[in-house]
Amino acid sequence: AHFSGVCGFKPTAQRLSHRGVVVASPGMQGVVAAPGLLARDVDSVALGMKALLVPDMFQLDPLVVPMPFRQKMYEDKNPKRIGYFTSLEICPPTPSMERAVIMAKEALEKAGHTLVAFNPPDSVRAYVDLTSRLGKADKGRTFLTKWLKGEVIEENLKRQLFQWTLPDYLRKALAFVVQRYAPRHGMISTHRLLRSIYDFWQRLSEREGYIEQFLDEWKEREIDLLLCPAFGVPASKTKHDAGYLPVNTAYTSLFNLLNFPAGVVPVTMVTEEDDRMLNDWRGFGNDPVDKVMKESTKGAVGLPVAVQCVALPWQEENCLWLMKE
């Protein structure tokens, strides 16, 4: 959605039925997938949710929470207290992505809302130890055997799959070699690997603790909603190494980990000034990932840039309200 300049929305899992939905990695635990909607504008997304959240769906799928669309919450006119952040430590965004959040923040303040800085707790641990480990707990075997067996695999995806499926001893050896010039890549590849079912269960328990930690920070800041980047970069060129770009998903996968509803909405486009500032942008420290991010988005002037809006679980209408506001 962010790359295409349209609105995208991911509700809390089990707000919409999963029946008949094809997922990339069935059985994955801890990084929660949910069916969502894409549309040209926020009202169309809201209309889609309203059309789906009806008694017929609740009757067809007893696992869905029988909660109709709450129009009053979506149309609420009261001022809100909204948290915001412009960067995650594991993947500082390029200039256009950060500027978009600041633009949205200023527009919301002009509309009478209160914006307060919010610092996602332990964001590096959330991505490296939880999202990455839980999302790849099977080392890519489900994806390979279910979807790619006998298929011709695109070259960039091959490199990404190679990293997923490496045996742990080779992963450690490779990380030792690249650690000096790509410390972030080495850390993501090898830090606290899952070696047993016991490790996996303990990591799921850590996830539960992290959700509580995040909610405590949310309550401490007394916020109703959250505003942040939708991704680390605008749309990127396909010729660049996809194996380096998944870290940009830290901004969206965080809310799969937490199982919070989240949506992206376009607010601006990449400008000439954004493109110029990219020359001096160093990101995490100008490591190989940063260099690919720069090279793959250089010249992206005119491409859409979105922000991400987030609400607490089961408050989809609140999230859509912020997207529209």
Protein backbone atom coordinates (compact mmCIF):
# COMPACT_ATOMS: atom_id res chain seq x y z
CA ALA A 1 0.00 0.00 0.00
CA HIS A 2 2.78 2.42 0.94
CA PHE A 3 4.67 1.79 -2.31
CA SER A 4 1.49 2.20 -4.40
CA GLY A 5 0.02 5.29 -2.78
CA VAL A 6 -3.15 3.59 -1.52
CA CYS A 7 -4.53 2.92 1.95
CA GLY A 8 -3.88 -0.42 3.64
CA PHE A 9 -5.35 -1.73 6.87
CA LYS A 10 -4.50 -4.69 9.15
CA PRO A 11 -7.05 -5.32 11.92
CA THR A 12 -6.52 -7.22 15.14
CA ALA A 13 -6.38 -10.94 14.41
CA GLN A 14 -9.84 -12.57 14.63
CA ARG A 15 -11.68 -9.30 13.99
CA LEU A 16 -12.10 -10.60 10.42
CA SER A 17 -12.48 -14.26 9.50
CA HIS A 18 -9.41 -16.21 8.37
CA ARG A 19 -11.51 -18.86 6.65
CA GLY A 20 -10.41 -19.36 3.06
CA VAL A 21 -7.44 -17.01 3.48
CA VAL A 22 -4.14 -18.34 2.10
CA VAL A 23 -1.19 -17.50 4.37
CA ALA A 24 2.52 -17.68 3.53
CA SER A 25 3.54 -19.67 6.60
CA PRO A 26 0.62 -21.59 8.15
CA GLY A 27 1.30 -22.54 11.75
CA MET A 28 3.52 -19.53 12.51
CA GLN A 29 3.14 -18.37 16.10
CA GLY A 30 4.04 -15.08 17.75
CA VAL A 31 4.07 -12.85 14.66
CA VAL A 32 0.35 -12.65 14.03
CA ALA A 33 -0.99 -12.35 10.48
CA ALA A 34 -4.47 -11.02 9.76
CA PRO A 35 -6.53 -10.48 6.59
CA GLY A 36 -6.93 -6.81 5.78
CA LEU A 37 -8.06 -4.34 3.15
CA LEU A 38 -6.58 -2.12 0.43
CA ALA A 39 -8.49 0.85 -1.00
CA ARG A 40 -8.04 4.24 -2.63
CA ASP A 41 -9.11 6.15 0.49
CA VAL A 42 -9.89 5.63 4.16
CA ASP A 43 -13.67 5.88 3.76
CA SER A 44 -13.52 2.95 1.32
CA VAL A 45 -11.53 0.89 3.85
CA ALA A 46 -14.13 1.76 6.51
CA LEU A 47 -16.92 0.78 4.12
CA GLY A 48 -15.22 -2.56 3.51
CA MET A 49 -14.90 -3.22 7.24
CA LYS A 50 -18.54 -2.26 7.75
CA ALA A 51 -19.62 -4.66 4.99
CA LEU A 52 -17.62 -7.53 6.51
CA LEU A 53 -18.47 -7.04 10.18
CA VAL A 54 -22.02 -8.37 9.92
CA PRO A 55 -23.98 -11.22 11.54
CA ASP A 56 -23.44 -13.48 8.51
CA MET A 57 -19.68 -13.50 9.11
CA PHE A 58 -20.08 -14.00 12.85
CA GLN A 59 -22.35 -16.98 12.18
CA LEU A 60 -20.12 -18.52 9.50
CA ASP A 61 -17.00 -18.28 11.68
CA PRO A 62 -17.53 -18.68 15.45
CA LEU A 63 -13.84 -17.82 16.05
CA VAL A 64 -14.44 -14.21 15.00
CA VAL A 65 -15.30 -11.74 17.77
CA PRO A 66 -18.94 -10.77 17.06
CA MET A 67 -18.34 -7.02 17.12
CA PRO A 68 -20.11 -4.92 14.45
CA PHE A 69 -18.46 -1.79 13.00
CA ARG A 70 -18.75 1.08 15.49
CA GLN A 71 -19.60 4.09 13.35
CA LYS A 72 -19.69 6.52 16.29
CA MET A 73 -16.08 5.71 17.15
CA TYR A 74 -15.05 6.23 13.52
CA GLU A 75 -16.84 9.62 13.36
CA ASP A 76 -15.75 10.84 16.81
CA LYS A 77 -15.09 14.60 16.88
CA ASN A 78 -13.33 14.79 20.26
CA PRO A 79 -9.65 15.81 20.37
CA LYS A 80 -7.21 12.97 20.93
CA ARG A 81 -3.83 12.52 22.58
CA ILE A 82 -1.61 10.87 19.97
CA GLY A 83 1.87 9.46 20.43
CA TYR A 84 4.40 9.58 17.62
CA PHE A 85 7.91 8.45 16.74
CA THR A 86 9.96 9.05 13.61
CA SER A 87 12.57 6.29 13.80
CA LEU A 88 13.39 2.82 15.09
CA GLU A 89 16.97 2.22 16.16
CA ILE A 90 17.33 -0.99 14.12
CA CYS A 91 16.38 0.81 10.88
CA PRO A 92 16.49 4.62 10.78
CA PRO A 93 14.21 5.76 7.93
CA THR A 94 15.31 7.74 4.90
CA PRO A 95 14.56 11.52 4.90
CA SER A 96 11.19 11.38 3.09
CA MET A 97 9.81 8.81 5.54
CA GLU A 98 10.76 10.86 8.59
CA ARG A 99 9.45 14.07 7.03
CA ALA A 100 6.06 12.44 6.37
CA VAL A 101 5.57 11.71 10.08
CA ILE A 102 6.50 15.29 11.03
CA MET A 103 4.06 16.62 8.41
CA ALA A 104 1.25 14.45 9.78
CA LYS A 105 2.11 15.43 13.35
CA GLU A 106 1.91 19.14 12.53
CA ALA A 107 -1.38 18.70 10.66
CA LEU A 108 -2.90 16.86 13.62
CA GLU A 109 -1.75 19.57 16.03
CA LYS A 110 -3.38 22.22 13.82
CA ALA A 111 -6.58 20.17 13.97
CA GLY A 112 -6.57 20.52 17.77
CA HIS A 113 -5.04 17.22 18.87
CA THR A 114 -2.19 16.77 21.36
CA LEU A 115 0.93 15.02 20.02
CA VAL A 116 3.45 13.52 22.43
CA ALA A 117 6.75 11.80 21.74
CA PHE A 118 6.61 8.03 22.21
CA ASN A 119 9.63 5.75 22.44
CA PRO A 120 8.87 2.10 21.58
CA PRO A 121 10.52 0.10 24.39
CA ASP A 122 13.41 -2.24 23.52
CA SER A 123 12.74 -1.88 19.79
CA VAL A 124 15.96 -3.65 18.76
CA ARG A 125 15.14 -6.65 20.94
CA ALA A 126 11.58 -6.63 19.61
CA TYR A 127 12.81 -6.97 16.03
CA VAL A 128 15.92 -9.14 16.46
CA ASP A 129 15.02 -11.49 19.33
CA LEU A 130 11.26 -11.68 18.86
CA THR A 131 9.93 -10.77 15.41
CA SER A 132 12.84 -12.18 13.39
CA ARG A 133 13.27 -15.33 15.48
CA LEU A 134 9.58 -16.18 15.82
CA GLY A 135 8.83 -15.34 12.19
CA LYS A 136 11.61 -17.63 10.95
CA ALA A 137 11.44 -20.30 13.64
CA ASP A 138 11.15 -23.01 10.97
CA LYS A 139 14.14 -21.54 9.07
CA GLY A 140 12.01 -20.99 6.00
CA ARG A 141 11.11 -24.66 5.49
CA THR A 142 7.33 -24.11 5.37
CA PHE A 143 7.66 -21.36 2.77
CA LEU A 144 10.07 -23.43 0.68
CA THR A 145 8.11 -26.67 0.74
CA LYS A 146 4.59 -25.22 0.49
CA TRP A 147 5.07 -22.49 -2.09
CA LEU A 148 8.44 -22.75 -3.83
CA LYS A 149 8.94 -26.47 -4.40
CA GLY A 150 9.57 -26.95 -8.12
CA GLU A 151 9.24 -23.21 -8.82
CA VAL A 152 11.71 -20.92 -10.60
CA ILE A 153 12.92 -18.57 -7.85
CA GLU A 154 13.83 -14.96 -8.59
CA GLU A 155 17.49 -14.14 -7.92
CA ASN A 156 16.95 -11.58 -5.15
CA LEU A 157 14.59 -13.94 -3.36
CA LYS A 158 17.17 -16.72 -3.67
CA ARG A 159 19.64 -14.70 -1.62
CA GLN A 160 17.02 -14.02 1.03
CA LEU A 161 16.05 -17.70 1.23
CA PHE A 162 19.72 -18.64 1.48
CA GLN A 163 19.97 -16.57 4.65
CA TRP A 164 16.78 -18.07 6.08
CA THR A 165 17.78 -21.68 5.53
CA LEU A 166 21.45 -21.62 6.54
CA PRO A 167 22.36 -24.15 9.26
CA ASP A 168 23.17 -22.41 12.53
CA TYR A 169 26.89 -23.30 12.45
CA LEU A 170 27.27 -21.75 8.98
CA ARG A 171 25.20 -18.77 10.02
CA LYS A 172 27.55 -18.15 12.95
CA ALA A 173 30.63 -18.50 10.74
CA LEU A 174 29.23 -16.11 8.12
CA ALA A 175 28.24 -13.58 10.78
CA PHE A 176 31.77 -13.68 12.21
CA VAL A 177 33.13 -12.70 8.80
CA VAL A 178 30.65 -9.88 8.10
CA GLN A 179 30.44 -8.56 11.68
CA ARG A 180 33.20 -5.99 11.19
CA TYR A 181 31.68 -4.22 8.20
CA ALA A 182 27.99 -5.11 8.74
CA PRO A 183 27.36 -5.42 12.51
CA ARG A 184 23.60 -5.00 12.15
CA HIS A 185 23.40 -7.80 9.59
CA GLY A 186 25.49 -10.06 11.81
CA MET A 187 23.33 -9.33 14.85
CA ILE A 188 20.06 -10.00 13.01
CA SER A 189 21.48 -13.23 11.58
CA THR A 190 22.85 -14.82 14.73
CA HIS A 191 21.75 -13.18 17.99
CA ARG A 192 19.88 -15.60 20.30
CA LEU A 193 19.00 -18.23 17.72
CA LEU A 194 16.22 -20.71 18.50
CA ARG A 195 17.77 -24.16 18.94
CA SER A 196 14.94 -26.17 20.50
CA ILE A 197 11.22 -26.28 21.18
CA TYR A 198 12.05 -25.12 24.71
CA ASP A 199 13.79 -22.02 23.27
CA PHE A 200 10.75 -21.39 21.09
CA TRP A 201 8.32 -21.57 24.01
CA GLN A 202 10.52 -19.29 26.10
CA ARG A 203 10.61 -16.76 23.27
CA LEU A 204 6.81 -16.86 23.05
CA SER A 205 6.74 -16.13 26.76
CA GLU A 206 9.11 -13.20 26.18
CA ARG A 207 6.70 -11.91 23.55
CA GLU A 208 3.89 -11.88 26.12
CA GLY A 209 6.13 -9.90 28.46
CA TYR A 210 7.02 -7.47 25.68
CA ILE A 211 3.35 -6.79 24.92
CA GLU A 212 2.85 -5.86 28.58
CA GLN A 213 5.94 -3.65 28.45
CA PHE A 214 4.65 -1.85 25.37
CA LEU A 215 1.21 -1.38 26.91
CA ASP A 216 2.79 0.01 30.09
CA GLU A 217 4.63 2.62 28.00
CA TRP A 218 1.39 3.42 26.16
CA LYS A 219 -0.43 3.96 29.46
CA GLU A 220 2.48 5.97 30.88
CA ARG A 221 2.26 8.41 27.96
CA GLU A 222 -1.55 8.46 28.29
CA ILE A 223 -2.07 8.21 24.54
CA ASP A 224 -5.10 7.15 22.53
CA LEU A 225 -3.32 6.33 19.28
CA LEU A 226 0.13 6.16 17.69
CA LEU A 227 1.66 7.71 14.55
CA CYS A 228 4.91 6.44 13.00
CA PRO A 229 6.65 5.63 9.69
CA ALA A 230 5.05 3.03 7.43
CA PHE A 231 8.40 1.63 6.25
CA GLY A 232 12.09 2.52 6.21
CA VAL A 233 12.13 3.66 2.56
CA PRO A 234 9.78 4.73 -0.24
CA ALA A 235 9.28 2.34 -3.17
CA SER A 236 12.63 0.78 -4.10
CA LYS A 237 14.16 -0.48 -7.34
CA THR A 238 13.72 -4.22 -7.87
CA LYS A 239 17.29 -4.75 -9.05
CA HIS A 240 18.73 -4.29 -5.57
CA ASP A 241 19.37 -7.10 -3.11
CA ALA A 242 16.08 -7.97 -1.39
CA GLY A 243 18.06 -9.82 1.27
CA TYR A 244 19.09 -6.48 2.80
CA LEU A 245 15.67 -4.80 2.74
CA PRO A 246 13.49 -6.91 5.12
CA VAL A 247 14.81 -4.93 8.11
CA ASN A 248 12.64 -2.07 6.79
CA THR A 249 9.59 -4.10 7.78
CA ALA A 250 10.51 -3.48 11.43
CA TYR A 251 7.96 -0.64 11.35
CA THR A 252 5.03 -2.86 10.37
CA SER A 253 6.06 -6.23 11.80
CA LEU A 254 6.23 -4.65 15.25
CA PHE A 255 2.43 -4.45 15.21
CA ASN A 256 2.10 -8.02 13.95
CA LEU A 257 4.18 -9.01 16.97
CA LEU A 258 1.93 -6.96 19.27
CA ASN A 259 -1.28 -7.84 17.38
CA PHE A 260 -2.36 -4.19 17.28
CA PRO A 261 -4.52 -2.85 14.42
CA ALA A 262 -2.52 -0.67 12.05
CA GLY A 263 -3.05 1.12 8.76
CA VAL A 264 -1.00 3.12 6.27
CA VAL A 265 -2.21 6.23 4.51
CA PRO A 266 -0.32 8.34 1.90
CA VAL A 267 0.43 11.91 3.02
CA THR A 268 3.12 13.25 0.66
CA MET A 269 5.55 12.39 -2.13
CA VAL A 270 9.34 12.20 -2.30
CA THR A 271 10.70 15.67 -3.08
CA GLU A 272 13.90 16.89 -4.71
CA GLU A 273 15.06 18.00 -1.27
CA ASP A 274 14.45 14.51 0.16
CA ASP A 275 16.52 13.08 -2.68
CA ARG A 276 19.32 15.54 -2.06
CA MET A 277 19.36 14.85 1.69
CA LEU A 278 19.71 11.16 0.90
CA ASN A 279 23.30 11.86 -0.21
CA ASP A 280 24.30 12.72 3.37
CA TRP A 281 22.00 10.23 5.12
CA ARG A 282 23.92 7.60 7.10
CA GLY A 283 21.11 5.61 8.70
CA PHE A 284 22.45 2.95 11.08
CA GLY A 285 26.05 3.98 10.33
CA ASN A 286 26.28 3.74 6.54
CA ASP A 287 26.57 -0.04 6.69
CA PRO A 288 25.79 -2.26 3.65
CA VAL A 289 22.06 -2.21 4.46
CA ASP A 290 22.06 1.60 4.50
CA LYS A 291 23.94 1.70 1.20
CA VAL A 292 21.36 -0.58 -0.45
CA MET A 293 18.55 1.56 1.01
CA LYS A 294 20.15 4.67 -0.49
CA GLU A 295 20.93 3.16 -3.87
CA SER A 296 17.54 1.51 -4.24
CA THR A 297 15.58 4.71 -3.51
CA LYS A 298 17.83 7.34 -5.11
CA GLY A 299 15.81 9.20 -7.73
CA ALA A 300 12.43 8.30 -6.18
CA VAL A 301 11.17 11.89 -6.59
CA GLY A 302 7.40 11.92 -7.04
CA LEU A 303 6.77 8.51 -5.49
CA PRO A 304 4.17 8.28 -2.68
CA VAL A 305 5.13 8.35 1.00
CA ALA A 306 2.77 7.06 3.69
CA VAL A 307 2.59 7.16 7.46
CA GLN A 308 1.35 4.41 9.76
CA CYS A 309 -1.49 4.78 12.26
CA VAL A 310 -1.85 2.36 15.18
CA ALA A 311 -4.49 1.69 17.82
CA LEU A 312 -4.95 -0.68 20.74
CA PRO A 313 -6.36 -4.17 20.03
CA TRP A 314 -10.03 -4.26 18.95
CA GLN A 315 -10.07 -0.49 18.32
CA GLU A 316 -10.02 -0.66 14.52
CA GLU A 317 -12.49 2.20 14.19
CA ASN A 318 -10.16 4.43 16.22
CA CYS A 319 -7.26 3.53 13.93
CA LEU A 320 -9.35 4.34 10.84
CA TRP A 321 -10.35 7.64 12.45
CA LEU A 322 -6.70 8.65 12.74
CA MET A 323 -6.00 7.57 9.16
CA LYS A 324 -8.83 9.80 7.95
CA GLU A 325 -7.97 12.73 10.22
